[in-house]
């Protein structure tokens, strides 16, 4: 089932969607704040702080999802439940 491989590729792209929101907020703050990114977090607008947390959490979730999807692909799982989960 090739859908497992496509879902891994889509999930890898979706990791960076919240980061674009954070990058936009950082650019609006100015380039001089790039030298201290941790101190800049407290100065981010309210919409960018949860986006930062979401971006960091997706790395943890992606590893588990990618491993499960690859195992389903390699073992040839052919069920509607696995396909729906992907």
Foldseek 3Di string as FASTA:
>chain_A
DCLLVVVLVVLVVVLCPLVVVLVVQVVVVPDVCPVPVVVCLVVGPPVNNVSVVSSVVSVVVSVVSNVVSVVCVVVVDDDPVSSVVD
